[in-house]
Amino acid sequence: MITFTCDVCKKKLDNPDVDRLFYYANHSICEPCKDNFELNVKSQIRAKEPYTTDWYEQFIGDSLDKAVQKGKI
C-alpha cells in the first residue's frame, strides 16, 4: 500500500493514482493543489519580460516554498 502526503495541504491519499501526483521543485503535491498553484502563478509568468528558464525555475521554487510554509496556495 502506498500513502502519498501533499506537501501543501497535508492531505493523505492511500493508493493514489500515480498519474495524478505531481513533483515541482522537490515538493510532492496533489492534483487540486497543482491546479490552484498553476492558476495563481500563470498571470505572473505571462507578464515577465524578458522571460528566462532560470527565472522560471527560481520563481516556481520560491512560490511553492511559500505555499508549503503557509499550508495553502
N, C-alpha and C. Protein backbone atom coordinates (compact mmCIF):
# COMPACT_ATOMS: atom_id res chain seq x y z
N MET A 1 0.84 -1.18 0.00
CA MET A 1 0.00 0.00 0.00
C MET A 1 0.89 1.24 0.00
N ILE A 2 0.57 2.17 -0.86
CA ILE A 2 1.32 3.41 -0.98
C ILE A 2 0.49 4.53 -0.36
N THR A 3 1.14 5.36 0.45
CA THR A 3 0.49 6.52 1.01
C THR A 3 1.22 7.75 0.51
N PHE A 4 0.47 8.72 0.03
CA PHE A 4 1.03 9.96 -0.50
C PHE A 4 0.52 11.10 0.36
N THR A 5 1.40 11.99 0.76
CA THR A 5 1.01 13.17 1.52
C THR A 5 1.41 14.40 0.73
N CYS A 6 0.44 15.26 0.47
CA CYS A 6 0.70 16.50 -0.25
C CYS A 6 1.48 17.44 0.66
N ASP A 7 2.55 18.03 0.15
CA ASP A 7 3.37 18.95 0.94
C ASP A 7 2.64 20.25 1.24
N VAL A 8 1.66 20.60 0.44
CA VAL A 8 0.97 21.87 0.63
C VAL A 8 -0.22 21.72 1.59
N CYS A 9 -1.19 20.90 1.22
CA CYS A 9 -2.42 20.79 2.02
C CYS A 9 -2.34 19.71 3.09
N LYS A 10 -1.30 18.90 3.07
CA LYS A 10 -1.06 17.83 4.04
C LYS A 10 -2.10 16.73 3.98
N LYS A 11 -2.87 16.67 2.89
CA LYS A 11 -3.87 15.62 2.73
C LYS A 11 -3.15 14.31 2.41
N LYS A 12 -3.62 13.22 3.05
CA LYS A 12 -3.04 11.90 2.81
C LYS A 12 -3.94 11.12 1.87
N LEU A 13 -3.30 10.52 0.88
CA LEU A 13 -4.03 9.70 -0.08
C LEU A 13 -3.47 8.28 -0.01
N ASP A 14 -4.34 7.31 0.20
CA ASP A 14 -3.92 5.92 0.20
C ASP A 14 -4.11 5.34 -1.19
N ASN A 15 -3.11 4.64 -1.68
CA ASN A 15 -3.12 4.04 -3.01
C ASN A 15 -3.54 5.04 -4.09
N PRO A 16 -2.83 6.15 -4.20
CA PRO A 16 -3.21 7.17 -5.18
C PRO A 16 -2.90 6.73 -6.61
N ASP A 17 -3.58 7.32 -7.54
CA ASP A 17 -3.29 7.12 -8.96
C ASP A 17 -2.00 7.90 -9.25
N VAL A 18 -0.94 7.20 -9.60
CA VAL A 18 0.37 7.85 -9.77
C VAL A 18 0.37 8.88 -10.90
N ASP A 19 -0.59 8.80 -11.80
CA ASP A 19 -0.67 9.79 -12.88
C ASP A 19 -1.23 11.12 -12.40
N ARG A 20 -1.75 11.16 -11.17
CA ARG A 20 -2.33 12.39 -10.64
C ARG A 20 -1.52 12.99 -9.50
N LEU A 21 -0.27 12.57 -9.39
CA LEU A 21 0.64 13.11 -8.40
C LEU A 21 1.70 13.91 -9.14
N PHE A 22 2.08 15.04 -8.58
CA PHE A 22 3.00 15.94 -9.27
C PHE A 22 4.15 16.33 -8.37
N TYR A 23 5.30 16.54 -8.98
CA TYR A 23 6.51 16.92 -8.26
C TYR A 23 7.05 18.20 -8.88
N TYR A 24 7.03 19.25 -8.09
CA TYR A 24 7.56 20.55 -8.51
C TYR A 24 8.61 20.96 -7.50
N ALA A 25 9.75 21.35 -7.98
CA ALA A 25 10.80 21.95 -7.14
C ALA A 25 10.98 21.18 -5.83
N ASN A 26 11.14 19.86 -5.94
CA ASN A 26 11.37 18.98 -4.79
C ASN A 26 10.19 18.91 -3.82
N HIS A 27 9.01 19.22 -4.27
CA HIS A 27 7.81 19.10 -3.44
C HIS A 27 6.81 18.18 -4.14
N SER A 28 6.13 17.38 -3.34
CA SER A 28 5.09 16.50 -3.86
C SER A 28 3.75 17.18 -3.61
N ILE A 29 2.96 17.33 -4.67
CA ILE A 29 1.68 18.00 -4.50
C ILE A 29 0.57 17.20 -5.20
N CYS A 30 -0.62 17.32 -4.65
CA CYS A 30 -1.77 16.62 -5.22
C CYS A 30 -2.33 17.43 -6.39
N GLU A 31 -3.22 16.82 -7.14
CA GLU A 31 -3.75 17.46 -8.34
C GLU A 31 -4.51 18.76 -8.05
N PRO A 32 -5.39 18.79 -7.02
CA PRO A 32 -6.07 20.07 -6.75
C PRO A 32 -5.11 21.21 -6.38
N CYS A 33 -4.07 20.91 -5.62
CA CYS A 33 -3.09 21.94 -5.27
C CYS A 33 -2.30 22.37 -6.49
N LYS A 34 -1.97 21.43 -7.37
CA LYS A 34 -1.27 21.76 -8.61
C LYS A 34 -2.10 22.69 -9.47
N ASP A 35 -3.39 22.39 -9.60
CA ASP A 35 -4.27 23.24 -10.40
C ASP A 35 -4.36 24.64 -9.83
N ASN A 36 -4.52 24.76 -8.52
CA ASN A 36 -4.58 26.08 -7.87
C ASN A 36 -3.27 26.83 -8.01
N PHE A 37 -2.16 26.12 -7.86
CA PHE A 37 -0.84 26.74 -7.98
C PHE A 37 -0.64 27.31 -9.38
N GLU A 38 -0.93 26.51 -10.39
CA GLU A 38 -0.75 26.97 -11.77
C GLU A 38 -1.66 28.14 -12.09
N LEU A 39 -2.87 28.12 -11.58
CA LEU A 39 -3.81 29.22 -11.80
C LEU A 39 -3.30 30.51 -11.16
N ASN A 40 -2.73 30.40 -9.98
CA ASN A 40 -2.26 31.59 -9.26
C ASN A 40 -0.99 32.20 -9.86
N VAL A 41 -0.10 31.39 -10.40
CA VAL A 41 1.16 31.93 -10.91
C VAL A 41 1.13 32.24 -12.41
N LYS A 42 0.09 31.81 -13.10
CA LYS A 42 0.02 31.97 -14.56
C LYS A 42 0.16 33.44 -14.99
N SER A 43 -0.54 34.34 -14.34
CA SER A 43 -0.51 35.74 -14.75
C SER A 43 0.88 36.36 -14.51
N GLN A 44 1.53 35.97 -13.43
CA GLN A 44 2.86 36.49 -13.14
C GLN A 44 3.89 35.98 -14.15
N ILE A 45 3.74 34.73 -14.56
CA ILE A 45 4.66 34.16 -15.54
C ILE A 45 4.48 34.83 -16.90
N ARG A 46 3.24 35.03 -17.30
CA ARG A 46 2.97 35.64 -18.61
C ARG A 46 3.40 37.10 -18.67
N ALA A 47 3.41 37.78 -17.53
CA ALA A 47 3.77 39.20 -17.51
C ALA A 47 5.28 39.43 -17.45
N LYS A 48 6.06 38.39 -17.22
CA LYS A 48 7.51 38.54 -17.07
C LYS A 48 8.17 38.85 -18.41
N GLU A 49 8.89 39.93 -18.44
CA GLU A 49 9.68 40.33 -19.61
C GLU A 49 11.07 40.72 -19.12
N PRO A 50 12.14 40.26 -19.62
CA PRO A 50 12.27 39.12 -20.52
C PRO A 50 12.16 37.82 -19.72
N TYR A 51 11.58 36.84 -20.33
CA TYR A 51 11.37 35.53 -19.72
C TYR A 51 12.60 34.66 -19.94
N THR A 52 13.09 34.03 -18.88
CA THR A 52 14.20 33.08 -18.99
C THR A 52 13.85 31.82 -18.21
N THR A 53 14.42 30.72 -18.61
CA THR A 53 14.14 29.48 -17.89
C THR A 53 14.74 29.49 -16.49
N ASP A 54 15.85 30.17 -16.32
CA ASP A 54 16.43 30.28 -14.97
C ASP A 54 15.50 31.03 -14.04
N TRP A 55 14.95 32.14 -14.53
CA TRP A 55 13.99 32.89 -13.73
C TRP A 55 12.78 32.04 -13.41
N TYR A 56 12.25 31.31 -14.40
CA TYR A 56 11.07 30.46 -14.22
C TYR A 56 11.30 29.41 -13.13
N GLU A 57 12.41 28.71 -13.19
CA GLU A 57 12.71 27.68 -12.21
C GLU A 57 12.83 28.28 -10.81
N GLN A 58 13.47 29.43 -10.69
CA GLN A 58 13.61 30.10 -9.39
C GLN A 58 12.26 30.56 -8.88
N PHE A 59 11.45 31.14 -9.76
CA PHE A 59 10.13 31.64 -9.38
C PHE A 59 9.22 30.51 -8.91
N ILE A 60 9.19 29.41 -9.65
CA ILE A 60 8.35 28.27 -9.27
C ILE A 60 8.81 27.71 -7.92
N GLY A 61 10.11 27.55 -7.76
CA GLY A 61 10.64 27.03 -6.50
C GLY A 61 10.29 27.93 -5.31
N ASP A 62 10.50 29.23 -5.46
CA ASP A 62 10.21 30.16 -4.38
C ASP A 62 8.72 30.21 -4.07
N SER A 63 7.89 30.23 -5.11
CA SER A 63 6.45 30.30 -4.91
C SER A 63 5.93 29.04 -4.22
N LEU A 64 6.45 27.90 -4.61
CA LEU A 64 6.00 26.66 -3.99
C LEU A 64 6.51 26.54 -2.56
N ASP A 65 7.71 27.00 -2.29
CA ASP A 65 8.23 27.02 -0.92
C ASP A 65 7.33 27.85 -0.02
N LYS A 66 6.88 29.01 -0.50
CA LYS A 66 5.98 29.87 0.28
C LYS A 66 4.64 29.17 0.53
N ALA A 67 4.14 28.47 -0.49
CA ALA A 67 2.86 27.76 -0.36
C ALA A 67 2.97 26.64 0.67
N VAL A 68 4.09 25.94 0.68
CA VAL A 68 4.29 24.85 1.65
C VAL A 68 4.36 25.42 3.06
N GLN A 69 5.06 26.55 3.24
CA GLN A 69 5.16 27.16 4.56
C GLN A 69 3.80 27.62 5.07
N LYS A 70 2.97 28.20 4.18
CA LYS A 70 1.64 28.67 4.56
C LYS A 70 0.65 27.53 4.75
N GLY A 71 0.89 26.43 4.04
CA GLY A 71 -0.04 25.31 4.09
C GLY A 71 -1.21 25.48 3.15
N LYS A 72 -1.09 26.43 2.23
CA LYS A 72 -2.13 26.66 1.23
C LYS A 72 -1.52 27.42 0.06
N ILE A 73 -2.25 27.40 -1.03
CA ILE A 73 -1.78 28.11 -2.22
C ILE A 73 -2.59 29.36 -2.40
